[in-house]
Amino acid sequence: MIKKNVTLTNKLGIHVRPASLISKTASKYKSNFLIRKDDMEINGKSVMGIMMLGAGKDTELELVFDGVDEQEMMEDIVKLFEDKFGEE
């Protein structure tokens, strides 16, 4: 299991496009992927779940990866956040 904290730095936070990118990328892997915000924990492969987080700019999230390809999955997902989902 790998846990990684990330902060949303893109201007609009998580909206439909970033949620779709996260879900699509995560779905390529066998590992489980959870996103935690405050008291919420959602399946990171679910676009609707990701949208329900209501995560705006500067929100801190905990990403949890667990499974056979967790390292590769973590690297790809974290890169999306670092690249601001291709925005700005």
PDB file of N, CA and C in Angstrom:
ATOM      1  N   MET A   1       0.850  -1.184   0.000  1.00  0.00           N
ATOM      2  CA  MET A   1       0.000   0.000   0.000  1.00  0.00           C
ATOM      3  C   MET A   1       0.890   1.239   0.000  1.00  0.00           C
ATOM      4  N   ILE A   2       0.549   2.180  -0.871  1.00  0.00           N
ATOM      5  CA  ILE A   2       1.270   3.448  -0.957  1.00  0.00           C
ATOM      6  C   ILE A   2       0.270   4.568  -0.686  1.00  0.00           C
ATOM      7  N   LYS A   3       0.654   5.502   0.183  1.00  0.00           N
ATOM      8  CA  LYS A   3      -0.161   6.692   0.440  1.00  0.00           C
ATOM      9  C   LYS A   3       0.636   7.910   0.006  1.00  0.00           C
ATOM     10  N   LYS A   4      -0.045   8.844  -0.653  1.00  0.00           N
ATOM     11  CA  LYS A   4       0.620  10.042  -1.161  1.00  0.00           C
ATOM     12  C   LYS A   4      -0.318  11.229  -0.990  1.00  0.00           C
ATOM     13  N   ASN A   5       0.180  12.300  -0.388  1.00  0.00           N
ATOM     14  CA  ASN A   5      -0.606  13.524  -0.264  1.00  0.00           C
ATOM     15  C   ASN A   5      -0.290  14.438  -1.440  1.00  0.00           C
ATOM     16  N   VAL A   6      -1.334  15.013  -2.016  1.00  0.00           N
ATOM     17  CA  VAL A   6      -1.174  15.963  -3.116  1.00  0.00           C
ATOM     18  C   VAL A   6      -2.048  17.176  -2.836  1.00  0.00           C
ATOM     19  N   THR A   7      -1.643  18.312  -3.396  1.00  0.00           N
ATOM     20  CA  THR A   7      -2.427  19.536  -3.290  1.00  0.00           C
ATOM     21  C   THR A   7      -2.838  19.957  -4.691  1.00  0.00           C
ATOM     22  N   LEU A   8      -4.100  20.277  -4.860  1.00  0.00           N
ATOM     23  CA  LEU A   8      -4.597  20.722  -6.166  1.00  0.00           C
ATOM     24  C   LEU A   8      -4.069  22.122  -6.443  1.00  0.00           C
ATOM     25  N   THR A   9      -3.338  22.270  -7.531  1.00  0.00           N
ATOM     26  CA  THR A   9      -2.760  23.571  -7.857  1.00  0.00           C
ATOM     27  C   THR A   9      -3.341  24.173  -9.131  1.00  0.00           C
ATOM     28  N   ASN A  10      -4.166  23.399  -9.837  1.00  0.00           N
ATOM     29  CA  ASN A  10      -4.773  23.975 -11.041  1.00  0.00           C
ATOM     30  C   ASN A  10      -5.868  24.961 -10.637  1.00  0.00           C
ATOM     31  N   LYS A  11      -6.133  25.906 -11.497  1.00  0.00           N
ATOM     32  CA  LYS A  11      -7.012  27.036 -11.189  1.00  0.00           C
ATOM     33  C   LYS A  11      -8.420  26.637 -10.753  1.00  0.00           C
ATOM     34  N   LEU A  12      -9.000  25.621 -11.381  1.00  0.00           N
ATOM     35  CA  LEU A  12     -10.396  25.272 -11.122  1.00  0.00           C
ATOM     36  C   LEU A  12     -10.583  24.062 -10.213  1.00  0.00           C
ATOM     37  N   GLY A  13      -9.490  23.486  -9.721  1.00  0.00           N
ATOM     38  CA  GLY A  13      -9.634  22.292  -8.886  1.00  0.00           C
ATOM     39  C   GLY A  13     -10.116  21.119  -9.727  1.00  0.00           C
ATOM     40  N   ILE A  14     -10.830  20.205  -9.076  1.00  0.00           N
ATOM     41  CA  ILE A  14     -11.325  19.039  -9.815  1.00  0.00           C
ATOM     42  C   ILE A  14     -12.716  19.330 -10.364  1.00  0.00           C
ATOM     43  N   HIS A  15     -12.804  19.305 -11.692  1.00  0.00           N
ATOM     44  CA  HIS A  15     -14.084  19.420 -12.390  1.00  0.00           C
ATOM     45  C   HIS A  15     -14.158  18.223 -13.337  1.00  0.00           C
ATOM     46  N   VAL A  16     -15.031  18.245 -14.309  1.00  0.00           N
ATOM     47  CA  VAL A  16     -15.269  17.067 -15.146  1.00  0.00           C
ATOM     48  C   VAL A  16     -14.008  16.571 -15.858  1.00  0.00           C
ATOM     49  N   ARG A  17     -13.258  17.457 -16.454  1.00  0.00           N
ATOM     50  CA  ARG A  17     -12.081  17.023 -17.223  1.00  0.00           C
ATOM     51  C   ARG A  17     -11.041  16.337 -16.335  1.00  0.00           C
ATOM     52  N   PRO A  18     -10.583  16.963 -15.241  1.00  0.00           N
ATOM     53  CA  PRO A  18      -9.624  16.265 -14.374  1.00  0.00           C
ATOM     54  C   PRO A  18     -10.184  14.964 -13.793  1.00  0.00           C
ATOM     55  N   ALA A  19     -11.454  14.961 -13.421  1.00  0.00           N
ATOM     56  CA  ALA A  19     -12.063  13.741 -12.872  1.00  0.00           C
ATOM     57  C   ALA A  19     -12.018  12.614 -13.900  1.00  0.00           C
ATOM     58  N   SER A  20     -12.308  12.944 -15.154  1.00  0.00           N
ATOM     59  CA  SER A  20     -12.264  11.945 -16.225  1.00  0.00           C
ATOM     60  C   SER A  20     -10.849  11.439 -16.464  1.00  0.00           C
ATOM     61  N   LEU A  21      -9.873  12.345 -16.438  1.00  0.00           N
ATOM     62  CA  LEU A  21      -8.476  11.948 -16.628  1.00  0.00           C
ATOM     63  C   LEU A  21      -8.000  11.027 -15.509  1.00  0.00           C
ATOM     64  N   ILE A  22      -8.343  11.372 -14.276  1.00  0.00           N
ATOM     65  CA  ILE A  22      -7.951  10.546 -13.131  1.00  0.00           C
ATOM     66  C   ILE A  22      -8.570   9.161 -13.259  1.00  0.00           C
ATOM     67  N   SER A  23      -9.873   9.111 -13.513  1.00  0.00           N
ATOM     68  CA  SER A  23     -10.588   7.842 -13.614  1.00  0.00           C
ATOM     69  C   SER A  23     -10.058   6.983 -14.760  1.00  0.00           C
ATOM     70  N   LYS A  24      -9.865   7.599 -15.913  1.00  0.00           N
ATOM     71  CA  LYS A  24      -9.383   6.872 -17.092  1.00  0.00           C
ATOM     72  C   LYS A  24      -7.985   6.306 -16.843  1.00  0.00           C
ATOM     73  N   THR A  25      -7.120   7.099 -16.251  1.00  0.00           N
ATOM     74  CA  THR A  25      -5.755   6.646 -15.957  1.00  0.00           C
ATOM     75  C   THR A  25      -5.771   5.527 -14.924  1.00  0.00           C
ATOM     76  N   ALA A  26      -6.534   5.702 -13.859  1.00  0.00           N
ATOM     77  CA  ALA A  26      -6.601   4.699 -12.790  1.00  0.00           C
ATOM     78  C   ALA A  26      -7.170   3.379 -13.294  1.00  0.00           C
ATOM     79  N   SER A  27      -8.108   3.456 -14.216  1.00  0.00           N
ATOM     80  CA  SER A  27      -8.776   2.248 -14.712  1.00  0.00           C
ATOM     81  C   SER A  27      -7.864   1.359 -15.553  1.00  0.00           C
ATOM     82  N   LYS A  28      -6.710   1.865 -15.943  1.00  0.00           N
ATOM     83  CA  LYS A  28      -5.744   1.065 -16.697  1.00  0.00           C
ATOM     84  C   LYS A  28      -5.011   0.069 -15.800  1.00  0.00           C
ATOM     85  N   TYR A  29      -5.168   0.225 -14.495  1.00  0.00           N
ATOM     86  CA  TYR A  29      -4.415  -0.590 -13.540  1.00  0.00           C
ATOM     87  C   TYR A  29      -5.324  -1.528 -12.758  1.00  0.00           C
ATOM     88  N   LYS A  30      -4.731  -2.600 -12.252  1.00  0.00           N
ATOM     89  CA  LYS A  30      -5.469  -3.583 -11.459  1.00  0.00           C
ATOM     90  C   LYS A  30      -5.613  -3.161 -10.004  1.00  0.00           C
ATOM     91  N   SER A  31      -4.700  -2.344  -9.508  1.00  0.00           N
ATOM     92  CA  SER A  31      -4.688  -1.946  -8.099  1.00  0.00           C
ATOM     93  C   SER A  31      -5.929  -1.153  -7.722  1.00  0.00           C
ATOM     94  N   ASN A  32      -6.258  -1.194  -6.439  1.00  0.00           N
ATOM     95  CA  ASN A  32      -7.324  -0.356  -5.897  1.00  0.00           C
ATOM     96  C   ASN A  32      -6.782   1.049  -5.707  1.00  0.00           C
ATOM     97  N   PHE A  33      -7.658   2.041  -5.850  1.00  0.00           N
ATOM     98  CA  PHE A  33      -7.251   3.439  -5.737  1.00  0.00           C
ATOM     99  C   PHE A  33      -8.334   4.208  -5.001  1.00  0.00           C
ATOM    100  N   LEU A  34      -7.968   4.779  -3.866  1.00  0.00           N
ATOM    101  CA  LEU A  34      -8.889   5.587  -3.076  1.00  0.00           C
ATOM    102  C   LEU A  34      -8.383   7.018  -3.012  1.00  0.00           C
ATOM    103  N   ILE A  35      -9.319   7.956  -2.947  1.00  0.00           N
ATOM    104  CA  ILE A  35      -8.983   9.360  -2.721  1.00  0.00           C
ATOM    105  C   ILE A  35      -9.703   9.779  -1.447  1.00  0.00           C
ATOM    106  N   ARG A  36      -8.952  10.387  -0.532  1.00  0.00           N
ATOM    107  CA  ARG A  36      -9.525  10.843   0.735  1.00  0.00           C
ATOM    108  C   ARG A  36      -9.424  12.356   0.842  1.00  0.00           C
ATOM    109  N   LYS A  37     -10.538  12.955   1.271  1.00  0.00           N
ATOM    110  CA  LYS A  37     -10.588  14.394   1.541  1.00  0.00           C
ATOM    111  C   LYS A  37     -11.393  14.564   2.817  1.00  0.00           C
ATOM    112  N   ASP A  38     -10.771  15.115   3.832  1.00  0.00           N
ATOM    113  CA  ASP A  38     -11.424  15.265   5.132  1.00  0.00           C
ATOM    114  C   ASP A  38     -11.967  13.905   5.572  1.00  0.00           C
ATOM    115  N   ASP A  39     -13.276  13.795   5.768  1.00  0.00           N
ATOM    116  CA  ASP A  39     -13.878  12.539   6.212  1.00  0.00           C
ATOM    117  C   ASP A  39     -14.429  11.702   5.058  1.00  0.00           C
ATOM    118  N   MET A  40     -14.212  12.153   3.831  1.00  0.00           N
ATOM    119  CA  MET A  40     -14.722  11.423   2.669  1.00  0.00           C
ATOM    120  C   MET A  40     -13.653  10.493   2.109  1.00  0.00           C
ATOM    121  N   GLU A  41     -14.087   9.323   1.652  1.00  0.00           N
ATOM    122  CA  GLU A  41     -13.200   8.376   0.974  1.00  0.00           C
ATOM    123  C   GLU A  41     -13.962   7.834  -0.222  1.00  0.00           C
ATOM    124  N   ILE A  42     -13.395   8.000  -1.408  1.00  0.00           N
ATOM    125  CA  ILE A  42     -14.095   7.566  -2.617  1.00  0.00           C
ATOM    126  C   ILE A  42     -13.197   6.668  -3.465  1.00  0.00           C
ATOM    127  N   ASN A  43     -13.827   5.920  -4.355  1.00  0.00           N
ATOM    128  CA  ASN A  43     -13.121   5.089  -5.322  1.00  0.00           C
ATOM    129  C   ASN A  43     -12.554   6.010  -6.403  1.00  0.00           C
ATOM    130  N   GLY A  44     -11.238   6.030  -6.544  1.00  0.00           N
ATOM    131  CA  GLY A  44     -10.583   6.902  -7.509  1.00  0.00           C
ATOM    132  C   GLY A  44     -10.786   6.509  -8.956  1.00  0.00           C
ATOM    133  N   LYS A  45     -11.461   5.395  -9.196  1.00  0.00           N
ATOM    134  CA  LYS A  45     -11.765   4.984 -10.566  1.00  0.00           C
ATOM    135  C   LYS A  45     -13.163   5.438 -10.988  1.00  0.00           C
ATOM    136  N   SER A  46     -13.871   6.116 -10.092  1.00  0.00           N
ATOM    137  CA  SER A  46     -15.240   6.567 -10.348  1.00  0.00           C
ATOM    138  C   SER A  46     -15.277   8.075 -10.600  1.00  0.00           C
ATOM    139  N   VAL A  47     -15.657   8.469 -11.811  1.00  0.00           N
ATOM    140  CA  VAL A  47     -15.758   9.891 -12.142  1.00  0.00           C
ATOM    141  C   VAL A  47     -16.738  10.586 -11.198  1.00  0.00           C
ATOM    142  N   MET A  48     -17.885   9.966 -10.968  1.00  0.00           N
ATOM    143  CA  MET A  48     -18.890  10.582 -10.087  1.00  0.00           C
ATOM    144  C   MET A  48     -18.361  10.728  -8.663  1.00  0.00           C
ATOM    145  N   GLY A  49     -17.663   9.707  -8.177  1.00  0.00           N
ATOM    146  CA  GLY A  49     -17.083   9.782  -6.843  1.00  0.00           C
ATOM    147  C   GLY A  49     -16.091  10.925  -6.736  1.00  0.00           C
ATOM    148  N   ILE A  50     -15.241  11.048  -7.735  1.00  0.00           N
ATOM    149  CA  ILE A  50     -14.236  12.116  -7.745  1.00  0.00           C
ATOM    150  C   ILE A  50     -14.918  13.480  -7.755  1.00  0.00           C
ATOM    151  N   MET A  51     -15.959  13.629  -8.562  1.00  0.00           N
ATOM    152  CA  MET A  51     -16.692  14.896  -8.626  1.00  0.00           C
ATOM    153  C   MET A  51     -17.338  15.236  -7.283  1.00  0.00           C
ATOM    154  N   MET A  52     -17.806  14.211  -6.573  1.00  0.00           N
ATOM    155  CA  MET A  52     -18.481  14.436  -5.290  1.00  0.00           C
ATOM    156  C   MET A  52     -17.545  14.990  -4.219  1.00  0.00           C
ATOM    157  N   LEU A  53     -16.239  14.885  -4.434  1.00  0.00           N
ATOM    158  CA  LEU A  53     -15.297  15.444  -3.467  1.00  0.00           C
ATOM    159  C   LEU A  53     -15.417  16.961  -3.369  1.00  0.00           C
ATOM    160  N   GLY A  54     -15.820  17.595  -4.457  1.00  0.00           N
ATOM    161  CA  GLY A  54     -15.927  19.051  -4.453  1.00  0.00           C
ATOM    162  C   GLY A  54     -14.597  19.711  -4.118  1.00  0.00           C
ATOM    163  N   ALA A  55     -13.524  19.192  -4.678  1.00  0.00           N
ATOM    164  CA  ALA A  55     -12.182  19.655  -4.341  1.00  0.00           C
ATOM    165  C   ALA A  55     -11.768  20.828  -5.217  1.00  0.00           C
ATOM    166  N   GLY A  56     -11.608  21.989  -4.608  1.00  0.00           N
ATOM    167  CA  GLY A  56     -11.188  23.189  -5.314  1.00  0.00           C
ATOM    168  C   GLY A  56      -9.689  23.399  -5.236  1.00  0.00           C
ATOM    169  N   LYS A  57      -9.250  24.501  -5.814  1.00  0.00           N
ATOM    170  CA  LYS A  57      -7.829  24.850  -5.798  1.00  0.00           C
ATOM    171  C   LYS A  57      -7.312  24.877  -4.359  1.00  0.00           C
ATOM    172  N   ASP A  58      -6.093  24.419  -4.177  1.00  0.00           N
ATOM    173  CA  ASP A  58      -5.391  24.376  -2.885  1.00  0.00           C
ATOM    174  C   ASP A  58      -5.943  23.343  -1.906  1.00  0.00           C
ATOM    175  N   THR A  59      -6.832  22.473  -2.361  1.00  0.00           N
ATOM    176  CA  THR A  59      -7.337  21.386  -1.514  1.00  0.00           C
ATOM    177  C   THR A  59      -6.280  20.293  -1.426  1.00  0.00           C
ATOM    178  N   GLU A  60      -6.071  19.767  -0.217  1.00  0.00           N
ATOM    179  CA  GLU A  60      -5.141  18.652  -0.046  1.00  0.00           C
ATOM    180  C   GLU A  60      -5.918  17.349  -0.043  1.00  0.00           C
ATOM    181  N   LEU A  61      -5.417  16.388  -0.806  1.00  0.00           N
ATOM    182  CA  LEU A  61      -6.031  15.071  -0.912  1.00  0.00           C
ATOM    183  C   LEU A  61      -5.007  14.005  -0.539  1.00  0.00           C
ATOM    184  N   GLU A  62      -5.497  12.909   0.016  1.00  0.00           N
ATOM    185  CA  GLU A  62      -4.641  11.750   0.250  1.00  0.00           C
ATOM    186  C   GLU A  62      -5.017  10.695  -0.778  1.00  0.00           C
ATOM    187  N   LEU A  63      -4.029  10.232  -1.530  1.00  0.00           N
ATOM    188  CA  LEU A  63      -4.226   9.196  -2.531  1.00  0.00           C
ATOM    189  C   LEU A  63      -3.697   7.890  -1.957  1.00  0.00           C
ATOM    190  N   VAL A  64      -4.483   6.824  -2.080  1.00  0.00           N
ATOM    191  CA  VAL A  64      -4.090   5.523  -1.543  1.00  0.00           C
ATOM    192  C   VAL A  64      -4.136   4.492  -2.668  1.00  0.00           C
ATOM    193  N   PHE A  65      -3.006   3.845  -2.899  1.00  0.00           N
ATOM    194  CA  PHE A  65      -2.863   2.850  -3.958  1.00  0.00           C
ATOM    195  C   PHE A  65      -2.554   1.510  -3.313  1.00  0.00           C
ATOM    196  N   ASP A  66      -3.253   0.463  -3.730  1.00  0.00           N
ATOM    197  CA  ASP A  66      -3.028  -0.843  -3.118  1.00  0.00           C
ATOM    198  C   ASP A  66      -3.238  -1.952  -4.142  1.00  0.00           C
ATOM    199  N   GLY A  67      -2.160  -2.655  -4.472  1.00  0.00           N
ATOM    200  CA  GLY A  67      -2.276  -3.766  -5.405  1.00  0.00           C
ATOM    201  C   GLY A  67      -0.972  -4.070  -6.109  1.00  0.00           C
ATOM    202  N   VAL A  68      -1.054  -4.954  -7.075  1.00  0.00           N
ATOM    203  CA  VAL A  68       0.142  -5.466  -7.747  1.00  0.00           C
ATOM    204  C   VAL A  68       0.896  -4.412  -8.559  1.00  0.00           C
ATOM    205  N   ASP A  69       0.197  -3.412  -9.082  1.00  0.00           N
ATOM    206  CA  ASP A  69       0.841  -2.383  -9.900  1.00  0.00           C
ATOM    207  C   ASP A  69       0.700  -0.993  -9.268  1.00  0.00           C
ATOM    208  N   GLU A  70       0.676  -0.967  -7.929  1.00  0.00           N
ATOM    209  CA  GLU A  70       0.444   0.283  -7.199  1.00  0.00           C
ATOM    210  C   GLU A  70       1.503   1.349  -7.482  1.00  0.00           C
ATOM    211  N   GLN A  71       2.764   0.962  -7.625  1.00  0.00           N
ATOM    212  CA  GLN A  71       3.840   1.939  -7.854  1.00  0.00           C
ATOM    213  C   GLN A  71       3.654   2.657  -9.192  1.00  0.00           C
ATOM    214  N   GLU A  72       3.405   1.892 -10.244  1.00  0.00           N
ATOM    215  CA  GLU A  72       3.209   2.486 -11.569  1.00  0.00           C
ATOM    216  C   GLU A  72       1.964   3.371 -11.589  1.00  0.00           C
ATOM    217  N   MET A  73       0.908   2.894 -10.959  1.00  0.00           N
ATOM    218  CA  MET A  73      -0.331   3.661 -10.898  1.00  0.00           C
ATOM    219  C   MET A  73      -0.106   4.979 -10.162  1.00  0.00           C
ATOM    220  N   MET A  74       0.575   4.916  -9.026  1.00  0.00           N
ATOM    221  CA  MET A  74       0.849   6.120  -8.246  1.00  0.00           C
ATOM    222  C   MET A  74       1.630   7.134  -9.076  1.00  0.00           C
ATOM    223  N   GLU A  75       2.651   6.673  -9.783  1.00  0.00           N
ATOM    224  CA  GLU A  75       3.461   7.578 -10.596  1.00  0.00           C
ATOM    225  C   GLU A  75       2.621   8.269 -11.666  1.00  0.00           C
ATOM    226  N   ASP A  76       1.762   7.528 -12.357  1.00  0.00           N
ATOM    227  CA  ASP A  76       0.920   8.116 -13.409  1.00  0.00           C
ATOM    228  C   ASP A  76      -0.103   9.099 -12.846  1.00  0.00           C
ATOM    229  N   ILE A  77      -0.745   8.736 -11.741  1.00  0.00           N
ATOM    230  CA  ILE A  77      -1.767   9.611 -11.156  1.00  0.00           C
ATOM    231  C   ILE A  77      -1.137  10.885 -10.593  1.00  0.00           C
ATOM    232  N   VAL A  78      -0.038  10.751  -9.878  1.00  0.00           N
ATOM    233  CA  VAL A  78       0.628  11.923  -9.297  1.00  0.00           C
ATOM    234  C   VAL A  78       1.100  12.861 -10.406  1.00  0.00           C
ATOM    235  N   LYS A  79       1.556  12.302 -11.524  1.00  0.00           N
ATOM    236  CA  LYS A  79       1.983  13.143 -12.653  1.00  0.00           C
ATOM    237  C   LYS A  79       0.824  13.999 -13.174  1.00  0.00           C
ATOM    238  N   LEU A  80      -0.389  13.461 -13.199  1.00  0.00           N
ATOM    239  CA  LEU A  80      -1.551  14.257 -13.612  1.00  0.00           C
ATOM    240  C   LEU A  80      -1.703  15.485 -12.720  1.00  0.00           C
ATOM    241  N   PHE A  81      -1.598  15.274 -11.410  1.00  0.00           N
ATOM    242  CA  PHE A  81      -1.720  16.383 -10.461  1.00  0.00           C
ATOM    243  C   PHE A  81      -0.586  17.389 -10.647  1.00  0.00           C
ATOM    244  N   GLU A  82       0.643  16.890 -10.800  1.00  0.00           N
ATOM    245  CA  GLU A  82       1.798  17.775 -10.976  1.00  0.00           C
ATOM    246  C   GLU A  82       1.696  18.584 -12.259  1.00  0.00           C
ATOM    247  N   ASP A  83       1.132  17.997 -13.305  1.00  0.00           N
ATOM    248  CA  ASP A  83       0.971  18.681 -14.594  1.00  0.00           C
ATOM    249  C   ASP A  83      -0.304  19.517 -14.655  1.00  0.00           C
ATOM    250  N   LYS A  84      -0.995  19.644 -13.520  1.00  0.00           N
ATOM    251  CA  LYS A  84      -2.242  20.424 -13.422  1.00  0.00           C
ATOM    252  C   LYS A  84      -3.276  19.959 -14.438  1.00  0.00           C
ATOM    253  N   PHE A  85      -3.276  18.663 -14.728  1.00  0.00           N
ATOM    254  CA  PHE A  85      -4.240  18.049 -15.646  1.00  0.00           C
ATOM    255  C   PHE A  85      -4.205  18.687 -17.027  1.00  0.00           C
ATOM    256  N   GLY A  86      -3.044  19.232 -17.414  1.00  0.00           N
ATOM    257  CA  GLY A  86      -2.885  19.846 -18.725  1.00  0.00           C
ATOM    258  C   GLY A  86      -3.503  21.228 -18.833  1.00  0.00           C
ATOM    259  N   GLU A  87      -3.875  21.817 -17.696  1.00  0.00           N
ATOM    260  CA  GLU A  87      -4.485  23.152 -17.695  1.00  0.00           C
ATOM    261  C   GLU A  87      -3.429  24.214 -17.394  1.00  0.00           C
ATOM    262  N   GLU A  88      -3.787  25.461 -17.636  1.00  0.00           N
ATOM    263  CA  GLU A  88      -2.961  26.644 -17.371  1.00  0.00           C
ATOM    264  C   GLU A  88      -1.712  26.613 -18.195  1.00  0.00           C
TER     265      GLU A  88
END
